[in-house]
Full PDB file with SEQRES, HELIX, SHEET, SSBOND, CRYST1, ORIGX, SCALE, CONECT and MASTER records, all heavy atoms in Angstrom:
SEQRES   1 A   34  LEU GLN PHE ALA LEU ASP GLY THR ILE GLY ASP TYR ARG          
SEQRES   2 A   34  LYS PRO ASP THR TRP PHE ILE VAL SER ALA VAL ASN ASP          
SEQRES   3 A   34  ASP ASP ALA GLY THR SER LYS MET                              
HELIX    1 AA1 GLN A    2  ASP A    6  1                                   5    
SHEET    1 AA1 2 THR A   8  ILE A   9  0                                        
SHEET    2 AA1 2 TYR A  12  ARG A  13 -1                                        
CRYST1    1.000    1.000    1.000  90.00  90.00  90.00 P 1           1          
ORIGX1      1.000000  0.000000  0.000000        0.00000                         
ORIGX2      0.000000  1.000000  0.000000        0.00000                         
ORIGX3      0.000000  0.000000  1.000000        0.00000                         
SCALE1      1.000000  0.000000  0.000000        0.00000                         
SCALE2      0.000000  1.000000  0.000000        0.00000                         
SCALE3      0.000000  0.000000  1.000000        0.00000                         
ATOM      1  N   LEU A   1       3.814   3.028   3.883  1.00  0.00           N  
ATOM      2  CA  LEU A   1       3.940   4.377   3.384  1.00  0.00           C  
ATOM      3  C   LEU A   1       4.981   4.458   2.171  1.00  0.00           C  
ATOM      4  O   LEU A   1       4.672   5.020   1.186  1.00  0.00           O  
ATOM      5  CB  LEU A   1       4.487   5.293   4.565  1.00  0.00           C  
ATOM      6  CG  LEU A   1       3.465   5.686   5.555  1.00  0.00           C  
ATOM      7  CD1 LEU A   1       4.157   6.333   6.862  1.00  0.00           C  
ATOM      8  CD2 LEU A   1       2.468   6.714   5.018  1.00  0.00           C  
ATOM      9  N   GLN A   2       6.184   3.938   2.393  1.00  0.00           N  
ATOM     10  CA  GLN A   2       7.162   4.097   1.372  1.00  0.00           C  
ATOM     11  C   GLN A   2       6.842   3.163   0.166  1.00  0.00           C  
ATOM     12  O   GLN A   2       6.920   3.572  -1.043  1.00  0.00           O  
ATOM     13  CB  GLN A   2       8.482   3.668   1.891  1.00  0.00           C  
ATOM     14  CG  GLN A   2       9.623   3.761   0.919  1.00  0.00           C  
ATOM     15  CD  GLN A   2      10.968   3.413   1.545  1.00  0.00           C  
ATOM     16  OE1 GLN A   2      11.054   2.791   2.606  1.00  0.00           O  
ATOM     17  NE2 GLN A   2      12.091   3.779   0.813  1.00  0.00           N  
ATOM     18  N   PHE A   3       6.262   2.027   0.407  1.00  0.00           N  
ATOM     19  CA  PHE A   3       5.955   1.068  -0.647  1.00  0.00           C  
ATOM     20  C   PHE A   3       4.838   1.667  -1.594  1.00  0.00           C  
ATOM     21  O   PHE A   3       4.916   1.578  -2.860  1.00  0.00           O  
ATOM     22  CB  PHE A   3       5.491  -0.311  -0.073  1.00  0.00           C  
ATOM     23  CG  PHE A   3       5.319  -1.340  -1.031  1.00  0.00           C  
ATOM     24  CD1 PHE A   3       6.359  -1.570  -1.935  1.00  0.00           C  
ATOM     25  CD2 PHE A   3       4.193  -2.146  -1.170  1.00  0.00           C  
ATOM     26  CE1 PHE A   3       6.186  -2.718  -2.895  1.00  0.00           C  
ATOM     27  CE2 PHE A   3       3.989  -3.147  -2.115  1.00  0.00           C  
ATOM     28  CZ  PHE A   3       5.082  -3.450  -2.842  1.00  0.00           C  
ATOM     29  N   ALA A   4       3.834   2.283  -1.038  1.00  0.00           N  
ATOM     30  CA  ALA A   4       2.716   2.887  -1.795  1.00  0.00           C  
ATOM     31  C   ALA A   4       3.214   4.046  -2.617  1.00  0.00           C  
ATOM     32  O   ALA A   4       2.622   4.325  -3.632  1.00  0.00           O  
ATOM     33  CB  ALA A   4       1.573   3.150  -0.944  1.00  0.00           C  
ATOM     34  N   LEU A   5       4.160   4.703  -2.051  1.00  0.00           N  
ATOM     35  CA  LEU A   5       4.710   5.971  -2.771  1.00  0.00           C  
ATOM     36  C   LEU A   5       5.654   5.638  -3.953  1.00  0.00           C  
ATOM     37  O   LEU A   5       5.406   6.191  -5.103  1.00  0.00           O  
ATOM     38  CB  LEU A   5       5.459   6.822  -1.735  1.00  0.00           C  
ATOM     39  CG  LEU A   5       5.938   8.207  -2.375  1.00  0.00           C  
ATOM     40  CD1 LEU A   5       4.850   9.024  -2.855  1.00  0.00           C  
ATOM     41  CD2 LEU A   5       6.775   8.855  -1.288  1.00  0.00           C  
ATOM     42  N   ASP A   6       6.667   4.815  -3.726  1.00  0.00           N  
ATOM     43  CA  ASP A   6       7.731   4.645  -4.779  1.00  0.00           C  
ATOM     44  C   ASP A   6       7.951   3.192  -4.885  1.00  0.00           C  
ATOM     45  O   ASP A   6       8.992   2.800  -5.634  1.00  0.00           O  
ATOM     46  CB  ASP A   6       8.871   5.431  -4.463  1.00  0.00           C  
ATOM     47  CG  ASP A   6       9.527   5.121  -3.076  1.00  0.00           C  
ATOM     48  OD1 ASP A   6       9.219   4.067  -2.451  1.00  0.00           O  
ATOM     49  OD2 ASP A   6      10.393   5.924  -2.645  1.00  0.00           O  
ATOM     50  N   GLY A   7       7.271   2.205  -4.293  1.00  0.00           N  
ATOM     51  CA  GLY A   7       7.535   0.725  -4.505  1.00  0.00           C  
ATOM     52  C   GLY A   7       8.735   0.152  -3.828  1.00  0.00           C  
ATOM     53  O   GLY A   7       9.268  -0.841  -4.242  1.00  0.00           O  
ATOM     54  N   THR A   8       9.180   0.918  -2.884  1.00  0.00           N  
ATOM     55  CA  THR A   8      10.323   0.338  -1.978  1.00  0.00           C  
ATOM     56  C   THR A   8       9.979   0.036  -0.661  1.00  0.00           C  
ATOM     57  O   THR A   8       9.138   0.829   0.010  1.00  0.00           O  
ATOM     58  CB  THR A   8      11.569   1.399  -2.114  1.00  0.00           C  
ATOM     59  OG1 THR A   8      11.184   2.579  -1.461  1.00  0.00           O  
ATOM     60  CG2 THR A   8      11.947   1.738  -3.536  1.00  0.00           C  
ATOM     61  N   ILE A   9      10.682  -0.876  -0.034  1.00  0.00           N  
ATOM     62  CA  ILE A   9      10.620  -1.260   1.304  1.00  0.00           C  
ATOM     63  C   ILE A   9      12.040  -1.601   1.707  1.00  0.00           C  
ATOM     64  O   ILE A   9      12.576  -2.655   1.384  1.00  0.00           O  
ATOM     65  CB  ILE A   9       9.675  -2.464   1.676  1.00  0.00           C  
ATOM     66  CG1 ILE A   9       8.285  -2.065   1.295  1.00  0.00           C  
ATOM     67  CG2 ILE A   9       9.648  -2.704   3.231  1.00  0.00           C  
ATOM     68  CD1 ILE A   9       7.264  -3.247   1.566  1.00  0.00           C  
ATOM     69  N   GLY A  10      12.755  -0.681   2.465  1.00  0.00           N  
ATOM     70  CA  GLY A  10      14.168  -0.930   2.796  1.00  0.00           C  
ATOM     71  C   GLY A  10      14.963  -1.026   1.518  1.00  0.00           C  
ATOM     72  O   GLY A  10      14.928  -0.202   0.592  1.00  0.00           O  
ATOM     73  N   ASP A  11      15.663  -2.155   1.299  1.00  0.00           N  
ATOM     74  CA  ASP A  11      16.540  -2.450   0.142  1.00  0.00           C  
ATOM     75  C   ASP A  11      15.731  -2.974  -1.092  1.00  0.00           C  
ATOM     76  O   ASP A  11      16.251  -2.968  -2.131  1.00  0.00           O  
ATOM     77  CB  ASP A  11      17.648  -3.227   0.513  1.00  0.00           C  
ATOM     78  CG  ASP A  11      18.616  -2.704   1.405  1.00  0.00           C  
ATOM     79  OD1 ASP A  11      18.856  -1.465   1.427  1.00  0.00           O  
ATOM     80  OD2 ASP A  11      19.249  -3.525   2.191  1.00  0.00           O  
ATOM     81  N   TYR A  12      14.418  -3.278  -0.754  1.00  0.00           N  
ATOM     82  CA  TYR A  12      13.683  -3.891  -1.847  1.00  0.00           C  
ATOM     83  C   TYR A  12      13.041  -2.744  -2.784  1.00  0.00           C  
ATOM     84  O   TYR A  12      12.562  -1.797  -2.153  1.00  0.00           O  
ATOM     85  CB  TYR A  12      12.635  -4.763  -1.342  1.00  0.00           C  
ATOM     86  CG  TYR A  12      11.584  -5.197  -2.349  1.00  0.00           C  
ATOM     87  CD1 TYR A  12      11.757  -6.252  -3.218  1.00  0.00           C  
ATOM     88  CD2 TYR A  12      10.377  -4.377  -2.470  1.00  0.00           C  
ATOM     89  CE1 TYR A  12      10.796  -6.523  -4.208  1.00  0.00           C  
ATOM     90  CE2 TYR A  12       9.321  -4.709  -3.418  1.00  0.00           C  
ATOM     91  CZ  TYR A  12       9.582  -5.802  -4.309  1.00  0.00           C  
ATOM     92  OH  TYR A  12       8.621  -6.121  -5.150  1.00  0.00           O  
ATOM     93  N   ARG A  13      13.040  -3.030  -4.067  1.00  0.00           N  
ATOM     94  CA  ARG A  13      12.306  -2.140  -4.942  1.00  0.00           C  
ATOM     95  C   ARG A  13      11.569  -2.930  -5.927  1.00  0.00           C  
ATOM     96  O   ARG A  13      12.143  -3.856  -6.610  1.00  0.00           O  
ATOM     97  CB  ARG A  13      13.297  -1.159  -5.754  1.00  0.00           C  
ATOM     98  CG  ARG A  13      12.472  -0.326  -6.730  1.00  0.00           C  
ATOM     99  CD  ARG A  13      13.482   0.585  -7.587  1.00  0.00           C  
ATOM    100  NE  ARG A  13      13.998   1.596  -6.698  1.00  0.00           N  
ATOM    101  CZ  ARG A  13      13.349   2.780  -6.478  1.00  0.00           C  
ATOM    102  NH1 ARG A  13      12.187   2.997  -7.067  1.00  0.00           N  
ATOM    103  NH2 ARG A  13      13.786   3.705  -5.690  1.00  0.00           N  
ATOM    104  N   LYS A  14      10.178  -2.756  -6.046  1.00  0.00           N  
ATOM    105  CA  LYS A  14       9.441  -3.560  -6.974  1.00  0.00           C  
ATOM    106  C   LYS A  14       9.790  -3.198  -8.417  1.00  0.00           C  
ATOM    107  O   LYS A  14      10.186  -2.032  -8.649  1.00  0.00           O  
ATOM    108  CB  LYS A  14       7.885  -3.307  -6.770  1.00  0.00           C  
ATOM    109  CG  LYS A  14       7.533  -1.974  -7.133  1.00  0.00           C  
ATOM    110  CD  LYS A  14       5.885  -1.838  -7.153  1.00  0.00           C  
ATOM    111  CE  LYS A  14       5.454  -0.474  -7.597  1.00  0.00           C  
ATOM    112  NZ  LYS A  14       5.775  -0.191  -9.007  1.00  0.00           N  
ATOM    113  N   PRO A  15       9.645  -4.184  -9.340  1.00  0.00           N  
ATOM    114  CA  PRO A  15       9.866  -3.819 -10.780  1.00  0.00           C  
ATOM    115  C   PRO A  15       8.888  -2.743 -11.229  1.00  0.00           C  
ATOM    116  O   PRO A  15       7.672  -2.661 -10.669  1.00  0.00           O  
ATOM    117  CB  PRO A  15       9.639  -5.167 -11.509  1.00  0.00           C  
ATOM    118  CG  PRO A  15       9.827  -6.198 -10.527  1.00  0.00           C  
ATOM    119  CD  PRO A  15       9.391  -5.503  -9.120  1.00  0.00           C  
ATOM    120  N   ASP A  16       9.243  -1.883 -12.183  1.00  0.00           N  
ATOM    121  CA  ASP A  16       8.407  -0.762 -12.614  1.00  0.00           C  
ATOM    122  C   ASP A  16       7.111  -1.453 -13.257  1.00  0.00           C  
ATOM    123  O   ASP A  16       6.225  -0.656 -13.448  1.00  0.00           O  
ATOM    124  CB  ASP A  16       9.111   0.017 -13.698  1.00  0.00           C  
ATOM    125  CG  ASP A  16      10.219   0.909 -12.972  1.00  0.00           C  
ATOM    126  OD1 ASP A  16      10.137   1.052 -11.785  1.00  0.00           O  
ATOM    127  OD2 ASP A  16      11.183   1.274 -13.660  1.00  0.00           O  
ATOM    128  N   THR A  17       7.171  -2.715 -13.706  1.00  0.00           N  
ATOM    129  CA  THR A  17       6.022  -3.247 -14.314  1.00  0.00           C  
ATOM    130  C   THR A  17       4.982  -3.706 -13.352  1.00  0.00           C  
ATOM    131  O   THR A  17       3.938  -4.335 -13.815  1.00  0.00           O  
ATOM    132  CB  THR A  17       6.481  -4.457 -15.266  1.00  0.00           C  
ATOM    133  OG1 THR A  17       7.307  -5.256 -14.425  1.00  0.00           O  
ATOM    134  CG2 THR A  17       7.192  -3.859 -16.459  1.00  0.00           C  
ATOM    135  N   TRP A  18       5.227  -3.611 -12.038  1.00  0.00           N  
ATOM    136  CA  TRP A  18       4.205  -3.955 -11.073  1.00  0.00           C  
ATOM    137  C   TRP A  18       3.549  -2.722 -10.527  1.00  0.00           C  
ATOM    138  O   TRP A  18       4.239  -1.677 -10.357  1.00  0.00           O  
ATOM    139  CB  TRP A  18       4.864  -4.825  -9.874  1.00  0.00           C  
ATOM    140  CG  TRP A  18       4.924  -6.245 -10.214  1.00  0.00           C  
ATOM    141  CD1 TRP A  18       6.014  -6.622 -10.989  1.00  0.00           C  
ATOM    142  CD2 TRP A  18       4.228  -7.340  -9.882  1.00  0.00           C  
ATOM    143  NE1 TRP A  18       5.959  -8.138 -11.080  1.00  0.00           N  
ATOM    144  CE2 TRP A  18       4.788  -8.434 -10.455  1.00  0.00           C  
ATOM    145  CE3 TRP A  18       2.897  -7.406  -9.168  1.00  0.00           C  
ATOM    146  CZ2 TRP A  18       4.190  -9.697 -10.301  1.00  0.00           C  
ATOM    147  CZ3 TRP A  18       2.423  -8.546  -9.042  1.00  0.00           C  
ATOM    148  CH2 TRP A  18       3.047  -9.819  -9.562  1.00  0.00           C  
ATOM    149  N   PHE A  19       2.275  -2.788 -10.161  1.00  0.00           N  
ATOM    150  CA  PHE A  19       1.470  -1.707  -9.763  1.00  0.00           C  
ATOM    151  C   PHE A  19       0.781  -1.985  -8.377  1.00  0.00           C  
ATOM    152  O   PHE A  19       0.490  -3.199  -8.157  1.00  0.00           O  
ATOM    153  CB  PHE A  19       0.518  -1.339 -10.788  1.00  0.00           C  
ATOM    154  CG  PHE A  19       1.137  -0.902 -12.131  1.00  0.00           C  
ATOM    155  CD1 PHE A  19       1.315  -1.897 -13.120  1.00  0.00           C  
ATOM    156  CD2 PHE A  19       1.490   0.395 -12.349  1.00  0.00           C  
ATOM    157  CE1 PHE A  19       1.864  -1.645 -14.267  1.00  0.00           C  
ATOM    158  CE2 PHE A  19       2.108   0.587 -13.608  1.00  0.00           C  
ATOM    159  CZ  PHE A  19       2.266  -0.313 -14.605  1.00  0.00           C  
ATOM    160  N   ILE A  20       0.471  -0.937  -7.551  1.00  0.00           N  
ATOM    161  CA  ILE A  20      -0.098  -1.135  -6.316  1.00  0.00           C  
ATOM    162  C   ILE A  20      -1.497  -0.709  -6.214  1.00  0.00           C  
ATOM    163  O   ILE A  20      -1.802   0.434  -6.593  1.00  0.00           O  
ATOM    164  CB  ILE A  20       0.758  -0.480  -5.206  1.00  0.00           C  
ATOM    165  CG1 ILE A  20       2.144  -0.994  -5.252  1.00  0.00           C  
ATOM    166  CG2 ILE A  20       0.164  -0.622  -3.827  1.00  0.00           C  
ATOM    167  CD1 ILE A  20       3.126  -0.193  -4.311  1.00  0.00           C  
ATOM    168  N   VAL A  21      -2.434  -1.609  -5.824  1.00  0.00           N  
ATOM    169  CA  VAL A  21      -3.723  -1.121  -5.659  1.00  0.00           C  
ATOM    170  C   VAL A  21      -4.187  -1.656  -4.177  1.00  0.00           C  
ATOM    171  O   VAL A  21      -3.768  -2.724  -3.726  1.00  0.00           O  
ATOM    172  CB  VAL A  21      -4.698  -1.875  -6.622  1.00  0.00           C  
ATOM    173  CG1 VAL A  21      -6.118  -1.444  -6.249  1.00  0.00           C  
ATOM    174  CG2 VAL A  21      -4.340  -1.420  -7.985  1.00  0.00           C  
ATOM    175  N   SER A  22      -4.920  -0.858  -3.532  1.00  0.00           N  
ATOM    176  CA  SER A  22      -5.411  -1.124  -2.169  1.00  0.00           C  
ATOM    177  C   SER A  22      -6.944  -0.966  -2.043  1.00  0.00           C  
ATOM    178  O   SER A  22      -7.518  -0.348  -3.044  1.00  0.00           O  
ATOM    179  CB  SER A  22      -4.788  -0.322  -1.043  1.00  0.00           C  
ATOM    180  OG  SER A  22      -5.146  -0.770   0.093  1.00  0.00           O  
ATOM    181  N   ALA A  23      -7.489  -1.633  -1.069  1.00  0.00           N  
ATOM    182  CA  ALA A  23      -9.044  -1.406  -0.941  1.00  0.00           C  
ATOM    183  C   ALA A  23      -9.360  -1.286   0.529  1.00  0.00           C  
ATOM    184  O   ALA A  23      -8.636  -1.971   1.429  1.00  0.00           O  
ATOM    185  CB  ALA A  23      -9.741  -2.602  -1.541  1.00  0.00           C  
ATOM    186  N   VAL A  24     -10.465  -0.576   0.881  1.00  0.00           N  
ATOM    187  CA  VAL A  24     -10.890  -0.576   2.274  1.00  0.00           C  
ATOM    188  C   VAL A  24     -12.427  -0.518   2.309  1.00  0.00           C  
ATOM    189  O   VAL A  24     -13.131  -0.135   1.378  1.00  0.00           O  
ATOM    190  CB  VAL A  24     -10.426   0.837   2.838  1.00  0.00           C  
ATOM    191  CG1 VAL A  24      -8.869   0.873   3.009  1.00  0.00           C  
ATOM    192  CG2 VAL A  24     -10.927   2.099   1.991  1.00  0.00           C  
ATOM    193  N   ASN A  25     -12.892  -0.962   3.453  1.00  0.00           N  
ATOM    194  CA  ASN A  25     -14.287  -0.972   3.755  1.00  0.00           C  
ATOM    195  C   ASN A  25     -14.492   0.167   4.773  1.00  0.00           C  
ATOM    196  O   ASN A  25     -14.159   0.000   5.888  1.00  0.00           O  
ATOM    197  CB  ASN A  25     -14.840  -2.266   4.386  1.00  0.00           C  
ATOM    198  CG  ASN A  25     -14.628  -3.377   3.447  1.00  0.00           C  
ATOM    199  OD1 ASN A  25     -14.739  -3.247   2.186  1.00  0.00           O  
ATOM    200  ND2 ASN A  25     -14.401  -4.601   3.904  1.00  0.00           N  
ATOM    201  N   ASP A  26     -14.924   1.298   4.339  1.00  0.00           N  
ATOM    202  CA  ASP A  26     -15.169   2.493   5.207  1.00  0.00           C  
ATOM    203  C   ASP A  26     -16.234   2.255   6.257  1.00  0.00           C  
ATOM    204  O   ASP A  26     -17.254   1.585   5.886  1.00  0.00           O  
ATOM    205  CB  ASP A  26     -15.538   3.735   4.343  1.00  0.00           C  
ATOM    206  CG  ASP A  26     -14.365   4.071   3.420  1.00  0.00           C  
ATOM    207  OD1 ASP A  26     -13.206   4.188   3.981  1.00  0.00           O  
ATOM    208  OD2 ASP A  26     -14.604   4.198   2.197  1.00  0.00           O  
ATOM    209  N   ASP A  27     -15.905   2.616   7.505  1.00  0.00           N  
ATOM    210  CA  ASP A  27     -16.953   2.676   8.565  1.00  0.00           C  
ATOM    211  C   ASP A  27     -17.390   1.183   8.977  1.00  0.00           C  
ATOM    212  O   ASP A  27     -18.509   1.077   9.492  1.00  0.00           O  
ATOM    213  CB  ASP A  27     -18.150   3.522   8.208  1.00  0.00           C  
ATOM    214  CG  ASP A  27     -17.708   4.943   7.878  1.00  0.00           C  
ATOM    215  OD1 ASP A  27     -16.713   5.427   8.606  1.00  0.00           O  
ATOM    216  OD2 ASP A  27     -18.339   5.606   7.011  1.00  0.00           O  
ATOM    217  N   ASP A  28     -16.646   0.291   8.647  1.00  0.00           N  
ATOM    218  CA  ASP A  28     -17.035  -1.124   8.924  1.00  0.00           C  
ATOM    219  C   ASP A  28     -16.378  -1.506  10.252  1.00  0.00           C  
ATOM    220  O   ASP A  28     -15.367  -0.974  10.685  1.00  0.00           O  
ATOM    221  CB  ASP A  28     -16.407  -2.059   7.841  1.00  0.00           C  
ATOM    222  CG  ASP A  28     -17.188  -3.458   7.982  1.00  0.00           C  
ATOM    223  OD1 ASP A  28     -18.210  -3.580   8.532  1.00  0.00           O  
ATOM    224  OD2 ASP A  28     -16.568  -4.438   7.393  1.00  0.00           O  
ATOM    225  N   ALA A  29     -17.005  -2.391  10.956  1.00  0.00           N  
ATOM    226  CA  ALA A  29     -16.490  -2.877  12.349  1.00  0.00           C  
ATOM    227  C   ALA A  29     -15.101  -3.370  12.167  1.00  0.00           C  
ATOM    228  O   ALA A  29     -14.736  -4.132  11.285  1.00  0.00           O  
ATOM    229  CB  ALA A  29     -17.391  -3.882  12.933  1.00  0.00           C  
ATOM    230  N   GLY A  30     -14.183  -2.968  13.046  1.00  0.00           N  
ATOM    231  CA  GLY A  30     -12.894  -3.468  13.041  1.00  0.00           C  
ATOM    232  C   GLY A  30     -11.886  -2.712  12.204  1.00  0.00           C  
ATOM    233  O   GLY A  30     -10.684  -3.102  12.157  1.00  0.00           O  
ATOM    234  N   THR A  31     -12.302  -1.637  11.613  1.00  0.00           N  
ATOM    235  CA  THR A  31     -11.427  -0.852  10.841  1.00  0.00           C  
ATOM    236  C   THR A  31     -10.808   0.332  11.655  1.00  0.00           C  
ATOM    237  O   THR A  31     -11.496   0.726  12.629  1.00  0.00           O  
ATOM    238  CB  THR A  31     -12.126  -0.226   9.573  1.00  0.00           C  
ATOM    239  OG1 THR A  31     -13.182   0.570  10.004  1.00  0.00           O  
ATOM    240  CG2 THR A  31     -12.698  -1.492   8.827  1.00  0.00           C  
ATOM    241  N   SER A  32      -9.749   0.933  11.190  1.00  0.00           N  
ATOM    242  CA  SER A  32      -9.130   2.036  11.821  1.00  0.00           C  
ATOM    243  C   SER A  32      -8.974   3.109  10.791  1.00  0.00           C  
ATOM    244  O   SER A  32      -8.826   2.845   9.500  1.00  0.00           O  
ATOM    245  CB  SER A  32      -7.746   1.702  12.384  1.00  0.00           C  
ATOM    246  OG  SER A  32      -7.958   0.725  13.402  1.00  0.00           O  
ATOM    247  N   LYS A  33      -8.853   4.391  11.211  1.00  0.00           N  
ATOM    248  CA  LYS A  33      -8.662   5.461  10.184  1.00  0.00           C  
ATOM    249  C   LYS A  33      -7.209   5.508   9.824  1.00  0.00           C  
ATOM    250  O   LYS A  33      -6.270   5.358  10.551  1.00  0.00           O  
ATOM    251  CB  LYS A  33      -8.978   6.765  10.976  1.00  0.00           C  
ATOM    252  CG  LYS A  33      -8.860   8.020  10.083  1.00  0.00           C  
ATOM    253  CD  LYS A  33      -9.273   9.225  10.897  1.00  0.00           C  
ATOM    254  CE  LYS A  33      -9.165  10.486  10.010  1.00  0.00           C  
ATOM    255  NZ  LYS A  33      -9.519  11.760  10.662  1.00  0.00           N  
ATOM    256  N   MET A  34      -6.981   5.590   8.518  1.00  0.00           N  
ATOM    257  CA  MET A  34      -5.588   5.602   7.911  1.00  0.00           C  
ATOM    258  C   MET A  34      -5.142   7.129   8.104  1.00  0.00           C  
ATOM    259  O   MET A  34      -5.807   8.176   8.115  1.00  0.00           O  
ATOM    260  CB  MET A  34      -5.738   5.252   6.401  1.00  0.00           C  
ATOM    261  CG  MET A  34      -6.121   3.841   6.109  1.00  0.00           C  
ATOM    262  SD  MET A  34      -6.514   3.507   4.438  1.00  0.00           S  
ATOM    263  CE  MET A  34      -5.039   4.133   3.620  1.00  0.00           C  
TER     264      MET A  34                                                      
MASTER        0    0    0    1    2    0    0    6  263    1    0    3          
END                                                                             
């Protein structure tokens, strides 16, 4: 949650030159609703 929003996890902060992308397979077996 926090990482995707502002790039932080606890005391860690990603450099501003790094970007976050995620991917999902909708309605596939073994998946859960986000």
